C-alpha cells in the first residue's frame, strides 16, 4: 500500500476512533472488537506506544501498530493539511484546550443558538445565550460523560430536575462542557424582565445593547474590543437557527431571536443586513435549549454562591445608561458576563 493511501486510511481511522470513543460505542479494527467507554481523545494518544493497556481504549491504541503511529507522527500536526487541520476544516472534529490539555471532539451537529433563563431569587434571573457549534456533542457529554439523568416527562435534560450531587458534577465540569458544545456564551444577570418599567421588547433590546455600548466608561474594554465582541457574537447567530425557551412571555421566542440578531448586527451605529432564523421547537425537542438550560442553572448557582464573575466566564461591562432612570430608581439592574472558546 502506497504512503498516500495509507495516510488517508489512517486519517479515516483517526476520525472514527474520535467519534466512537466520545460516544462510548463499539469499534472494530483488524477483525478485533473493542467496547469503548465514553472517552475524550487527545492527539498524543495516537502517537504513543502503550505497553500495558489498562482499558479497551488503550487496547485499541496498542493494536493500531507501528505503521499507523509512524504516519500519525508525520501527519497529525502538519499545517494546513494534517489530520487535525483537515478534520477541523471539514467540520468533522473540533480541537479544544481545557486545563492545558489538548483534546479532539467529534462534530455531531450544525451550529445553533440556545437561549434559556434560570432564576436567581424572587425577582432576578440569568439570561443565558449559548452560541453552539456542536450541540449534539454537548448532549452526548451530559448523558454519557457526566451520566446526568433526564427528566422523564417530557424526556429532557433539565436543571431543576437534578439533585445536588448531579448539579455539583455539572458545575465542576462547566468549562469542559462549554468547550465541547459551544464557541461562545453571553450571560446577563438582571431583574429588568420582571415587571419591566417599559415594554419587554425594549427591555430585552436594551439588555443586549448595554453589553456593547458605553465603551468610553471602561478603559479595560475600549471601543475596538467591545465592537469586536459584538461582531463575533453576531457572526455566531446570523443566519443560524435560534432555539429559545418560552421564558419571555408575552414576548414570543421568534421575536427574541429577531431582537438578538438585529441588535448584535449594529456596526458604527447602523443595523447591518441580518437574517434571524427561529427554530420552532419545544425544549424536549431541542438539544440547544437543554444545553442552555443546564448552563443557565450552573451559572445561576455560581452567582448565588457569590462567584464574581462566575468561574469560566469573564465580566462584560454593562452600560447602565441603557436602563432608564425611572427603572434604576426602582432597583432595576443588569450585570453581564461572556465566554469565548480559545481559538
C-alpha atoms as a PDB file:
ATOM      1  CA  UNK A   1       0.000   0.000   0.000  1.00  0.00           C
ATOM      2  CA  UNK A   2       1.484   3.401  -1.009  1.00  0.00           C
ATOM      3  CA  UNK A   3       2.070   6.176   1.525  1.00  0.00           C
ATOM      4  CA  UNK A   4      -0.813   8.393   0.308  1.00  0.00           C
ATOM      5  CA  UNK A   5      -3.393   5.614   0.595  1.00  0.00           C
ATOM      6  CA  UNK A   6      -2.030   4.601   3.998  1.00  0.00           C
ATOM      7  CA  UNK A   7      -2.249   8.233   5.085  1.00  0.00           C
ATOM      8  CA  UNK A   8      -5.912   8.517   4.015  1.00  0.00           C
ATOM      9  CA  UNK A   9      -6.798   5.193   5.608  1.00  0.00           C
ATOM     10  CA  UNK A  10      -5.073   6.331   8.796  1.00  0.00           C
ATOM     11  CA  UNK A  11      -6.964   9.644   8.667  1.00  0.00           C
ATOM     12  CA  UNK A  12     -10.341   7.874   8.490  1.00  0.00           C
ATOM     13  CA  UNK A  13      -9.373   5.545  11.346  1.00  0.00           C
ATOM     14  CA  UNK A  14      -8.298   8.624  13.330  1.00  0.00           C
ATOM     15  CA  UNK A  15     -11.706  10.296  12.800  1.00  0.00           C
ATOM     16  CA  UNK A  16     -13.680   7.139  13.541  1.00  0.00           C
ATOM     17  CA  UNK A  17     -11.810   6.493  16.801  1.00  0.00           C
ATOM     18  CA  UNK A  18     -12.508  10.069  17.939  1.00  0.00           C
ATOM     19  CA  UNK A  19     -16.220   9.704  17.160  1.00  0.00           C
ATOM     20  CA  UNK A  20     -16.766   6.249  18.617  1.00  0.00           C
ATOM     21  CA  UNK A  21     -14.617   6.875  21.691  1.00  0.00           C
ATOM     22  CA  UNK A  22     -16.501  10.078  22.505  1.00  0.00           C
ATOM     23  CA  UNK A  23     -19.869   8.313  22.206  1.00  0.00           C
ATOM     24  CA  UNK A  24     -18.702   5.164  24.021  1.00  0.00           C
ATOM     25  CA  UNK A  25     -19.514   2.889  21.079  1.00  0.00           C
ATOM     26  CA  UNK A  26     -18.055  -0.380  19.865  1.00  0.00           C
ATOM     27  CA  UNK A  27     -15.222  -0.270  17.351  1.00  0.00           C
ATOM     28  CA  UNK A  28     -13.737  -2.973  15.137  1.00  0.00           C
ATOM     29  CA  UNK A  29     -10.150  -2.968  13.895  1.00  0.00           C
ATOM     30  CA  UNK A  30      -8.283  -5.828  12.210  1.00  0.00           C
ATOM     31  CA  UNK A  31     -11.200  -8.172  12.980  1.00  0.00           C
ATOM     32  CA  UNK A  32     -10.963  -7.393  16.683  1.00  0.00           C
ATOM     33  CA  UNK A  33     -13.788  -5.786  18.654  1.00  0.00           C
ATOM     34  CA  UNK A  34     -13.374  -3.055  21.266  1.00  0.00           C
ATOM     35  CA  UNK A  35     -16.099  -1.940  23.700  1.00  0.00           C
ATOM     36  CA  UNK A  36     -15.119   1.666  24.261  1.00  0.00           C
ATOM     37  CA  UNK A  37     -16.164   3.673  27.306  1.00  0.00           C
ATOM     38  CA  UNK A  38     -17.021   7.378  26.725  1.00  0.00           C
ATOM     39  CA  UNK A  39     -13.600   8.972  26.286  1.00  0.00           C
ATOM     40  CA  UNK A  40     -12.212  12.364  25.282  1.00  0.00           C
ATOM     41  CA  UNK A  41      -9.389  11.726  22.852  1.00  0.00           C
ATOM     42  CA  UNK A  42      -6.079  13.612  22.965  1.00  0.00           C
ATOM     43  CA  UNK A  43      -3.919  13.928  19.808  1.00  0.00           C
ATOM     44  CA  UNK A  44      -0.919  12.481  21.636  1.00  0.00           C
ATOM     45  CA  UNK A  45      -2.862   9.263  22.277  1.00  0.00           C
ATOM     46  CA  UNK A  46      -2.277   8.255  18.652  1.00  0.00           C
ATOM     47  CA  UNK A  47       1.463   8.810  18.857  1.00  0.00           C
ATOM     48  CA  UNK A  48       2.462   6.953  21.998  1.00  0.00           C
ATOM     49  CA  UNK A  49       3.179   3.274  22.293  1.00  0.00           C
ATOM     50  CA  UNK A  50       1.187   1.557  25.048  1.00  0.00           C
ATOM     51  CA  UNK A  51       2.925  -1.461  26.516  1.00  0.00           C
ATOM     52  CA  UNK A  52       0.337  -2.479  29.119  1.00  0.00           C
ATOM     53  CA  UNK A  53      -3.203  -1.402  28.124  1.00  0.00           C
ATOM     54  CA  UNK A  54      -5.407  -0.566  31.112  1.00  0.00           C
ATOM     55  CA  UNK A  55      -8.689  -0.041  29.206  1.00  0.00           C
ATOM     56  CA  UNK A  56     -10.414  -1.021  25.980  1.00  0.00           C
ATOM     57  CA  UNK A  57      -9.421   2.357  24.549  1.00  0.00           C
ATOM     58  CA  UNK A  58      -5.757   1.760  25.359  1.00  0.00           C
ATOM     59  CA  UNK A  59      -6.026  -1.792  23.980  1.00  0.00           C
ATOM     60  CA  UNK A  60      -7.330  -0.334  20.716  1.00  0.00           C
ATOM     61  CA  UNK A  61      -4.498   2.217  20.550  1.00  0.00           C
ATOM     62  CA  UNK A  62      -1.921  -0.502  21.135  1.00  0.00           C
ATOM     63  CA  UNK A  63      -3.391  -2.522  18.238  1.00  0.00           C
ATOM     64  CA  UNK A  64      -3.016   0.318  15.727  1.00  0.00           C
ATOM     65  CA  UNK A  65       0.556  -0.738  15.096  1.00  0.00           C
ATOM     66  CA  UNK A  66       3.869   0.956  14.376  1.00  0.00           C
ATOM     67  CA  UNK A  67       2.994   1.794  10.748  1.00  0.00           C
ATOM     68  CA  UNK A  68      -0.037   3.783  11.882  1.00  0.00           C
ATOM     69  CA  UNK A  69       1.928   5.612  14.573  1.00  0.00           C
ATOM     70  CA  UNK A  70       4.670   6.446  12.082  1.00  0.00           C
ATOM     71  CA  UNK A  71       2.158   8.041   9.699  1.00  0.00           C
ATOM     72  CA  UNK A  72       0.398   9.760  12.616  1.00  0.00           C
ATOM     73  CA  UNK A  73       3.637  11.381  13.810  1.00  0.00           C
ATOM     74  CA  UNK A  74       4.122  12.827  10.326  1.00  0.00           C
ATOM     75  CA  UNK A  75       0.534  13.819   9.554  1.00  0.00           C
ATOM     76  CA  UNK A  76      -1.122  14.683  12.883  1.00  0.00           C
ATOM     77  CA  UNK A  77       0.068  18.287  13.185  1.00  0.00           C
ATOM     78  CA  UNK A  78       1.002  19.088   9.569  1.00  0.00           C
ATOM     79  CA  UNK A  79      -0.020  22.711   8.993  1.00  0.00           C
ATOM     80  CA  UNK A  80      -2.962  23.210   6.660  1.00  0.00           C
ATOM     81  CA  UNK A  81      -3.404  19.601   5.543  1.00  0.00           C
ATOM     82  CA  UNK A  82      -2.552  17.399   8.515  1.00  0.00           C
ATOM     83  CA  UNK A  83      -5.147  15.173  10.143  1.00  0.00           C
ATOM     84  CA  UNK A  84      -6.237  17.745  12.726  1.00  0.00           C
ATOM     85  CA  UNK A  85      -6.290  20.591  10.187  1.00  0.00           C
ATOM     86  CA  UNK A  86      -8.332  18.508   7.713  1.00  0.00           C
ATOM     87  CA  UNK A  87     -10.772  17.352  10.372  1.00  0.00           C
ATOM     88  CA  UNK A  88     -11.355  20.901  11.606  1.00  0.00           C
ATOM     89  CA  UNK A  89     -11.728  22.427   8.120  1.00  0.00           C
ATOM     90  CA  UNK A  90     -14.151  19.657   7.092  1.00  0.00           C
ATOM     91  CA  UNK A  91     -16.128  20.124  10.346  1.00  0.00           C
ATOM     92  CA  UNK A  92     -15.514  16.504  11.310  1.00  0.00           C
ATOM     93  CA  UNK A  93     -13.834  17.443  14.608  1.00  0.00           C
ATOM     94  CA  UNK A  94     -13.063  20.432  16.804  1.00  0.00           C
ATOM     95  CA  UNK A  95      -9.865  20.940  18.756  1.00  0.00           C
ATOM     96  CA  UNK A  96     -10.256  22.258  22.301  1.00  0.00           C
ATOM     97  CA  UNK A  97      -7.920  23.023  25.182  1.00  0.00           C
ATOM     98  CA  UNK A  98      -9.129  22.583  28.759  1.00  0.00           C
ATOM     99  CA  UNK A  99      -6.872  22.910  31.802  1.00  0.00           C
ATOM    100  CA  UNK A 100      -3.855  22.887  29.497  1.00  0.00           C
ATOM    101  CA  UNK A 101      -4.840  19.599  27.846  1.00  0.00           C
ATOM    102  CA  UNK A 102      -5.458  19.417  24.085  1.00  0.00           C
ATOM    103  CA  UNK A 103      -8.500  17.318  23.164  1.00  0.00           C
ATOM    104  CA  UNK A 104     -10.366  16.350  19.987  1.00  0.00           C
ATOM    105  CA  UNK A 105     -14.172  16.235  19.891  1.00  0.00           C
ATOM    106  CA  UNK A 106     -16.329  14.940  17.008  1.00  0.00           C
ATOM    107  CA  UNK A 107     -18.711  17.431  15.386  1.00  0.00           C
ATOM    108  CA  UNK A 108     -22.168  15.861  15.697  1.00  0.00           C
ATOM    109  CA  UNK A 109     -24.458  18.737  14.675  1.00  0.00           C
ATOM    110  CA  UNK A 110     -24.551  22.042  12.754  1.00  0.00           C
ATOM    111  CA  UNK A 111     -24.276  25.440  14.534  1.00  0.00           C
ATOM    112  CA  UNK A 112     -27.227  26.687  16.581  1.00  0.00           C
ATOM    113  CA  UNK A 113     -28.009  29.163  19.336  1.00  0.00           C
ATOM    114  CA  UNK A 114     -29.806  28.202  22.555  1.00  0.00           C
ATOM    115  CA  UNK A 115     -31.457  30.724  24.897  1.00  0.00           C
ATOM    116  CA  UNK A 116     -32.808  29.977  28.368  1.00  0.00           C
ATOM    117  CA  UNK A 117     -33.068  31.544  31.807  1.00  0.00           C
ATOM    118  CA  UNK A 118     -32.607  30.423  35.406  1.00  0.00           C
ATOM    119  CA  UNK A 119     -33.998  32.129  38.491  1.00  0.00           C
ATOM    120  CA  UNK A 120     -31.534  33.632  40.973  1.00  0.00           C
ATOM    121  CA  UNK A 121     -34.085  34.828  43.504  1.00  0.00           C
ATOM    122  CA  UNK A 122     -37.714  36.004  43.515  1.00  0.00           C
ATOM    123  CA  UNK A 123     -37.047  38.934  41.185  1.00  0.00           C
ATOM    124  CA  UNK A 124     -33.803  38.303  39.292  1.00  0.00           C
ATOM    125  CA  UNK A 125     -32.697  35.674  36.792  1.00  0.00           C
ATOM    126  CA  UNK A 126     -29.802  34.943  34.489  1.00  0.00           C
ATOM    127  CA  UNK A 127     -30.398  35.021  30.747  1.00  0.00           C
ATOM    128  CA  UNK A 128     -28.002  32.613  29.067  1.00  0.00           C
ATOM    129  CA  UNK A 129     -27.352  32.728  25.334  1.00  0.00           C
ATOM    130  CA  UNK A 130     -25.230  29.797  24.184  1.00  0.00           C
ATOM    131  CA  UNK A 131     -23.674  30.108  20.734  1.00  0.00           C
ATOM    132  CA  UNK A 132     -23.086  26.471  19.816  1.00  0.00           C
ATOM    133  CA  UNK A 133     -21.058  24.796  17.128  1.00  0.00           C
ATOM    134  CA  UNK A 134     -21.690  21.278  18.456  1.00  0.00           C
ATOM    135  CA  UNK A 135     -24.891  20.913  20.483  1.00  0.00           C
ATOM    136  CA  UNK A 136     -25.105  17.221  19.553  1.00  0.00           C
ATOM    137  CA  UNK A 137     -21.797  16.520  21.283  1.00  0.00           C
ATOM    138  CA  UNK A 138     -22.961  18.610  24.250  1.00  0.00           C
ATOM    139  CA  UNK A 139     -25.925  16.286  24.769  1.00  0.00           C
ATOM    140  CA  UNK A 140     -23.713  13.184  24.480  1.00  0.00           C
ATOM    141  CA  UNK A 141     -21.341  14.734  27.026  1.00  0.00           C
ATOM    142  CA  UNK A 142     -24.172  15.300  29.524  1.00  0.00           C
ATOM    143  CA  UNK A 143     -25.582  11.820  29.038  1.00  0.00           C
ATOM    144  CA  UNK A 144     -22.529   9.608  28.678  1.00  0.00           C
ATOM    145  CA  UNK A 145     -19.592  11.503  30.216  1.00  0.00           C
ATOM    146  CA  UNK A 146     -21.374  13.116  33.176  1.00  0.00           C
ATOM    147  CA  UNK A 147     -24.162  10.483  33.389  1.00  0.00           C
ATOM    148  CA  UNK A 148     -26.753  13.136  34.171  1.00  0.00           C
ATOM    149  CA  UNK A 149     -30.313  11.791  34.342  1.00  0.00           C
ATOM    150  CA  UNK A 150     -33.062  13.144  32.126  1.00  0.00           C
ATOM    151  CA  UNK A 151     -36.444  14.247  33.383  1.00  0.00           C
ATOM    152  CA  UNK A 152     -38.961  11.551  32.477  1.00  0.00           C
ATOM    153  CA  UNK A 153     -41.977  13.568  31.287  1.00  0.00           C
ATOM    154  CA  UNK A 154     -41.054  15.041  28.938  1.00  0.00           C
ATOM    155  CA  UNK A 155     -37.712  13.317  28.414  1.00  0.00           C
ATOM    156  CA  UNK A 156     -35.079  16.073  28.513  1.00  0.00           C
ATOM    157  CA  UNK A 157     -32.131  17.414  30.474  1.00  0.00           C
ATOM    158  CA  UNK A 158     -33.494  19.910  32.981  1.00  0.00           C
ATOM    159  CA  UNK A 159     -31.520  21.702  35.703  1.00  0.00           C
ATOM    160  CA  UNK A 160     -34.486  21.827  38.082  1.00  0.00           C
ATOM    161  CA  UNK A 161     -34.755  18.030  37.987  1.00  0.00           C
ATOM    162  CA  UNK A 162     -31.141  17.381  39.003  1.00  0.00           C
ATOM    163  CA  UNK A 163     -30.261  16.513  42.593  1.00  0.00           C
ATOM    164  CA  UNK A 164     -27.457  18.311  44.424  1.00  0.00           C
ATOM    165  CA  UNK A 165     -24.858  15.673  43.543  1.00  0.00           C
ATOM    166  CA  UNK A 166     -25.537  15.922  39.800  1.00  0.00           C
ATOM    167  CA  UNK A 167     -25.679  19.721  39.968  1.00  0.00           C
ATOM    168  CA  UNK A 168     -22.255  19.758  41.590  1.00  0.00           C
ATOM    169  CA  UNK A 169     -20.888  17.381  38.945  1.00  0.00           C
ATOM    170  CA  UNK A 170     -22.227  19.585  36.140  1.00  0.00           C
ATOM    171  CA  UNK A 171     -20.941  22.756  37.773  1.00  0.00           C
ATOM    172  CA  UNK A 172     -17.440  21.346  38.260  1.00  0.00           C
ATOM    173  CA  UNK A 173     -17.306  20.476  34.547  1.00  0.00           C
ATOM    174  CA  UNK A 174     -18.663  23.768  33.192  1.00  0.00           C
ATOM    175  CA  UNK A 175     -15.517  24.741  31.286  1.00  0.00           C
ATOM    176  CA  UNK A 176     -15.226  21.348  29.601  1.00  0.00           C
ATOM    177  CA  UNK A 177     -18.967  21.302  28.853  1.00  0.00           C
ATOM    178  CA  UNK A 178     -18.831  24.736  27.218  1.00  0.00           C
ATOM    179  CA  UNK A 179     -15.783  23.807  25.148  1.00  0.00           C
ATOM    180  CA  UNK A 180     -17.412  20.610  23.887  1.00  0.00           C
ATOM    181  CA  UNK A 181     -20.730  22.203  22.902  1.00  0.00           C
ATOM    182  CA  UNK A 182     -20.116  25.891  22.273  1.00  0.00           C
ATOM    183  CA  UNK A 183     -17.921  28.572  20.764  1.00  0.00           C
ATOM    184  CA  UNK A 184     -19.303  31.486  22.794  1.00  0.00           C
ATOM    185  CA  UNK A 185     -21.675  32.436  25.602  1.00  0.00           C
ATOM    186  CA  UNK A 186     -23.318  35.672  26.725  1.00  0.00           C
ATOM    187  CA  UNK A 187     -24.975  35.780  30.155  1.00  0.00           C
ATOM    188  CA  UNK A 188     -26.916  38.638  31.761  1.00  0.00           C
ATOM    189  CA  UNK A 189     -27.896  38.694  35.447  1.00  0.00           C
ATOM    190  CA  UNK A 190     -30.869  41.035  35.682  1.00  0.00           C
ATOM    191  CA  UNK A 191     -34.308  41.827  37.102  1.00  0.00           C
ATOM    192  CA  UNK A 192     -35.335  44.027  34.161  1.00  0.00           C
ATOM    193  CA  UNK A 193     -37.715  41.470  32.670  1.00  0.00           C
ATOM    194  CA  UNK A 194     -39.709  41.045  35.903  1.00  0.00           C
ATOM    195  CA  UNK A 195     -42.414  43.739  35.999  1.00  0.00           C
ATOM    196  CA  UNK A 196     -40.477  45.844  33.479  1.00  0.00           C
ATOM    197  CA  UNK A 197     -40.895  49.613  33.544  1.00  0.00           C
ATOM    198  CA  UNK A 198     -41.029  49.762  29.737  1.00  0.00           C
ATOM    199  CA  UNK A 199     -42.142  47.076  27.306  1.00  0.00           C
ATOM    200  CA  UNK A 200     -40.308  43.754  27.325  1.00  0.00           C
ATOM    201  CA  UNK A 201     -39.278  44.383  23.716  1.00  0.00           C
ATOM    202  CA  UNK A 202     -37.328  47.480  24.731  1.00  0.00           C
ATOM    203  CA  UNK A 203     -36.094  45.848  27.938  1.00  0.00           C
ATOM    204  CA  UNK A 204     -34.596  42.857  26.086  1.00  0.00           C
ATOM    205  CA  UNK A 205     -33.128  45.021  23.321  1.00  0.00           C
ATOM    206  CA  UNK A 206     -31.536  47.348  25.884  1.00  0.00           C
ATOM    207  CA  UNK A 207     -30.085  44.410  27.805  1.00  0.00           C
ATOM    208  CA  UNK A 208     -28.250  43.238  24.684  1.00  0.00           C
ATOM    209  CA  UNK A 209     -27.251  46.776  23.648  1.00  0.00           C
ATOM    210  CA  UNK A 210     -25.914  47.577  27.129  1.00  0.00           C
ATOM    211  CA  UNK A 211     -23.371  44.774  26.824  1.00  0.00           C
ATOM    212  CA  UNK A 212     -21.590  46.589  23.991  1.00  0.00           C
ATOM    213  CA  UNK A 213     -22.242  50.353  24.334  1.00  0.00           C
ATOM    214  CA  UNK A 214     -20.609  52.650  26.911  1.00  0.00           C
ATOM    215  CA  UNK A 215     -17.060  51.876  25.856  1.00  0.00           C
ATOM    216  CA  UNK A 216     -15.950  55.364  26.899  1.00  0.00           C
ATOM    217  CA  UNK A 217     -16.678  54.390  30.513  1.00  0.00           C
ATOM    218  CA  UNK A 218     -14.400  51.376  30.613  1.00  0.00           C
ATOM    219  CA  UNK A 219     -10.735  51.647  29.586  1.00  0.00           C
ATOM    220  CA  UNK A 220     -10.168  47.891  30.001  1.00  0.00           C
ATOM    221  CA  UNK A 221     -12.839  47.169  27.325  1.00  0.00           C
ATOM    222  CA  UNK A 222     -12.398  50.026  24.800  1.00  0.00           C
ATOM    223  CA  UNK A 223     -14.452  50.548  21.653  1.00  0.00           C
ATOM    224  CA  UNK A 224     -12.451  48.219  19.410  1.00  0.00           C
ATOM    225  CA  UNK A 225     -12.688  45.401  21.968  1.00  0.00           C
ATOM    226  CA  UNK A 226     -16.440  45.780  22.584  1.00  0.00           C
ATOM    227  CA  UNK A 227     -17.151  46.179  18.865  1.00  0.00           C
ATOM    228  CA  UNK A 228     -15.121  43.028  18.291  1.00  0.00           C
ATOM    229  CA  UNK A 229     -17.180  41.145  20.878  1.00  0.00           C
ATOM    230  CA  UNK A 230     -20.427  42.312  19.256  1.00  0.00           C
ATOM    231  CA  UNK A 231     -19.345  41.301  15.740  1.00  0.00           C
ATOM    232  CA  UNK A 232     -18.062  37.969  16.965  1.00  0.00           C
ATOM    233  CA  UNK A 233     -21.391  37.150  18.625  1.00  0.00           C
ATOM    234  CA  UNK A 234     -23.260  38.421  15.545  1.00  0.00           C
ATOM    235  CA  UNK A 235     -21.324  36.034  13.297  1.00  0.00           C
ATOM    236  CA  UNK A 236     -22.318  33.176  15.611  1.00  0.00           C
ATOM    237  CA  UNK A 237     -26.076  33.816  15.335  1.00  0.00           C
ATOM    238  CA  UNK A 238     -26.761  35.456  11.974  1.00  0.00           C
ATOM    239  CA  UNK A 239     -28.495  33.042   9.586  1.00  0.00           C
ATOM    240  CA  UNK A 240     -28.172  30.299  12.231  1.00  0.00           C
ATOM    241  CA  UNK A 241     -31.174  28.552  13.868  1.00  0.00           C
ATOM    242  CA  UNK A 242     -32.013  30.091  17.255  1.00  0.00           C
ATOM    243  CA  UNK A 243     -33.757  27.890  19.824  1.00  0.00           C
ATOM    244  CA  UNK A 244     -35.417  29.799  22.651  1.00  0.00           C
ATOM    245  CA  UNK A 245     -37.350  28.506  25.644  1.00  0.00           C
ATOM    246  CA  UNK A 246     -40.704  30.152  26.374  1.00  0.00           C
ATOM    247  CA  UNK A 247     -39.402  32.177  29.343  1.00  0.00           C
ATOM    248  CA  UNK A 248     -40.019  35.666  27.984  1.00  0.00           C
ATOM    249  CA  UNK A 249     -43.806  35.824  27.662  1.00  0.00           C
ATOM    250  CA  UNK A 250     -45.586  37.801  26.357  1.00  0.00           C
ATOM    251  CA  UNK A 251     -42.536  38.100  24.069  1.00  0.00           C
ATOM    252  CA  UNK A 252     -42.553  35.125  21.717  1.00  0.00           C
ATOM    253  CA  UNK A 253     -39.380  33.211  21.010  1.00  0.00           C
ATOM    254  CA  UNK A 254     -39.306  34.295  17.353  1.00  0.00           C
ATOM    255  CA  UNK A 255     -39.298  37.943  18.473  1.00  0.00           C
ATOM    256  CA  UNK A 256     -36.468  37.213  20.901  1.00  0.00           C
ATOM    257  CA  UNK A 257     -34.480  35.684  18.032  1.00  0.00           C
ATOM    258  CA  UNK A 258     -35.055  38.732  15.828  1.00  0.00           C
ATOM    259  CA  UNK A 259     -34.197  41.195  18.619  1.00  0.00           C
ATOM    260  CA  UNK A 260     -30.971  39.342  19.404  1.00  0.00           C
ATOM    261  CA  UNK A 261     -29.685  39.208  15.825  1.00  0.00           C
ATOM    262  CA  UNK A 262     -30.760  42.722  14.866  1.00  0.00           C
ATOM    263  CA  UNK A 263     -29.201  44.294  17.976  1.00  0.00           C
ATOM    264  CA  UNK A 264     -25.935  42.406  17.557  1.00  0.00           C
ATOM    265  CA  UNK A 265     -25.821  43.383  13.877  1.00  0.00           C
ATOM    266  CA  UNK A 266     -25.179  47.062  14.671  1.00  0.00           C
ATOM    267  CA  UNK A 267     -21.897  48.383  13.334  1.00  0.00           C
ATOM    268  CA  UNK A 268     -20.932  52.056  13.561  1.00  0.00           C
ATOM    269  CA  UNK A 269     -24.439  52.700  14.969  1.00  0.00           C
ATOM    270  CA  UNK A 270     -26.116  51.228  11.883  1.00  0.00           C
ATOM    271  CA  UNK A 271     -28.053  47.990  11.555  1.00  0.00           C
ATOM    272  CA  UNK A 272     -26.312  45.626   9.135  1.00  0.00           C
ATOM    273  CA  UNK A 273     -28.178  43.222   6.912  1.00  0.00           C
ATOM    274  CA  UNK A 274     -29.193  40.278   9.069  1.00  0.00           C
ATOM    275  CA  UNK A 275     -31.125  37.022   8.813  1.00  0.00           C
ATOM    276  CA  UNK A 276     -32.813  35.784  12.008  1.00  0.00           C
ATOM    277  CA  UNK A 277     -33.646  32.075  11.873  1.00  0.00           C
ATOM    278  CA  UNK A 278     -36.033  30.826  14.552  1.00  0.00           C
ATOM    279  CA  UNK A 279     -36.366  27.131  15.351  1.00  0.00           C
ATOM    280  CA  UNK A 280     -39.940  26.432  16.465  1.00  0.00           C
ATOM    281  CA  UNK A 281     -39.166  23.591  18.866  1.00  0.00           C
ATOM    282  CA  UNK A 282     -40.168  22.721  22.397  1.00  0.00           C
ATOM    283  CA  UNK A 283     -37.388  22.225  24.926  1.00  0.00           C
ATOM    284  CA  UNK A 284     -37.704  18.425  24.852  1.00  0.00           C
ATOM    285  CA  UNK A 285     -37.200  18.554  21.074  1.00  0.00           C
ATOM    286  CA  UNK A 286     -34.193  20.877  21.193  1.00  0.00           C
ATOM    287  CA  UNK A 287     -30.681  19.891  22.265  1.00  0.00           C
ATOM    288  CA  UNK A 288     -29.772  23.590  22.153  1.00  0.00           C
ATOM    289  CA  UNK A 289     -32.413  24.657  24.679  1.00  0.00           C
ATOM    290  CA  UNK A 290     -31.473  21.803  27.003  1.00  0.00           C
ATOM    291  CA  UNK A 291     -27.792  22.784  26.894  1.00  0.00           C
ATOM    292  CA  UNK A 292     -28.706  26.427  27.554  1.00  0.00           C
ATOM    293  CA  UNK A 293     -30.915  25.288  30.453  1.00  0.00           C
ATOM    294  CA  UNK A 294     -28.065  23.374  32.104  1.00  0.00           C
ATOM    295  CA  UNK A 295     -25.605  26.232  31.509  1.00  0.00           C
ATOM    296  CA  UNK A 296     -28.074  28.768  32.943  1.00  0.00           C
ATOM    297  CA  UNK A 297     -28.650  26.591  36.003  1.00  0.00           C
ATOM    298  CA  UNK A 298     -24.924  26.233  36.637  1.00  0.00           C
ATOM    299  CA  UNK A 299     -24.317  29.984  36.262  1.00  0.00           C
ATOM    300  CA  UNK A 300     -27.286  30.817  38.476  1.00  0.00           C
ATOM    301  CA  UNK A 301     -25.847  28.627  41.217  1.00  0.00           C
ATOM    302  CA  UNK A 302     -22.420  30.251  40.903  1.00  0.00           C
ATOM    303  CA  UNK A 303     -23.944  33.730  41.187  1.00  0.00           C
ATOM    304  CA  UNK A 304     -25.944  32.702  44.277  1.00  0.00           C
ATOM    305  CA  UNK A 305     -22.625  31.497  45.715  1.00  0.00           C
ATOM    306  CA  UNK A 306     -21.231  34.990  45.014  1.00  0.00           C
ATOM    307  CA  UNK A 307     -18.711  33.957  42.382  1.00  0.00           C
ATOM    308  CA  UNK A 308     -17.840  37.230  40.628  1.00  0.00           C
ATOM    309  CA  UNK A 309     -17.503  36.610  37.772  1.00  0.00           C
ATOM    310  CA  UNK A 310     -18.806  33.041  37.676  1.00  0.00           C
ATOM    311  CA  UNK A 311     -15.890  30.641  37.154  1.00  0.00           C
ATOM    312  CA  UNK A 312     -15.013  30.088  33.453  1.00  0.00           C
ATOM    313  CA  UNK A 313     -16.589  33.426  32.464  1.00  0.00           C
ATOM    314  CA  UNK A 314     -15.259  36.992  32.312  1.00  0.00           C
ATOM    315  CA  UNK A 315     -17.058  40.194  33.305  1.00  0.00           C
ATOM    316  CA  UNK A 316     -18.501  42.280  30.487  1.00  0.00           C
ATOM    317  CA  UNK A 317     -19.015  45.941  31.400  1.00  0.00           C
ATOM    318  CA  UNK A 318     -22.737  46.824  31.252  1.00  0.00           C
ATOM    319  CA  UNK A 319     -23.713  50.346  30.213  1.00  0.00           C
ATOM    320  CA  UNK A 320     -26.238  51.372  32.879  1.00  0.00           C
ATOM    321  CA  UNK A 321     -27.470  54.211  30.680  1.00  0.00           C
ATOM    322  CA  UNK A 322     -29.427  51.503  28.850  1.00  0.00           C
ATOM    323  CA  UNK A 323     -31.557  51.140  31.982  1.00  0.00           C
ATOM    324  CA  UNK A 324     -33.759  54.233  32.100  1.00  0.00           C
ATOM    325  CA  UNK A 325     -33.626  56.482  35.149  1.00  0.00           C
ATOM    326  CA  UNK A 326     -37.078  55.502  36.418  1.00  0.00           C
ATOM    327  CA  UNK A 327     -36.171  51.819  36.225  1.00  0.00           C
ATOM    328  CA  UNK A 328     -32.863  52.380  38.055  1.00  0.00           C
ATOM    329  CA  UNK A 329     -34.728  54.255  40.800  1.00  0.00           C
ATOM    330  CA  UNK A 330     -36.916  51.180  41.225  1.00  0.00           C
ATOM    331  CA  UNK A 331     -33.847  48.959  41.663  1.00  0.00           C
ATOM    332  CA  UNK A 332     -33.561  47.564  38.156  1.00  0.00           C
ATOM    333  CA  UNK A 333     -30.031  46.373  37.311  1.00  0.00           C
ATOM    334  CA  UNK A 334     -28.009  44.249  34.905  1.00  0.00           C
ATOM    335  CA  UNK A 335     -24.594  42.580  35.070  1.00  0.00           C
ATOM    336  CA  UNK A 336     -23.080  40.851  32.065  1.00  0.00           C
ATOM    337  CA  UNK A 337     -20.568  38.055  31.528  1.00  0.00           C
ATOM    338  CA  UNK A 338     -19.071  36.389  28.475  1.00  0.00           C
ATOM    339  CA  UNK A 339     -17.049  33.394  27.358  1.00  0.00           C
ATOM    340  CA  UNK A 340     -15.314  32.532  24.086  1.00  0.00           C
ATOM    341  CA  UNK A 341     -13.616  29.260  23.289  1.00  0.00           C
ATOM    342  CA  UNK A 342      -9.908  29.684  22.723  1.00  0.00           C
ATOM    343  CA  UNK A 343      -9.126  29.529  19.031  1.00  0.00           C
END
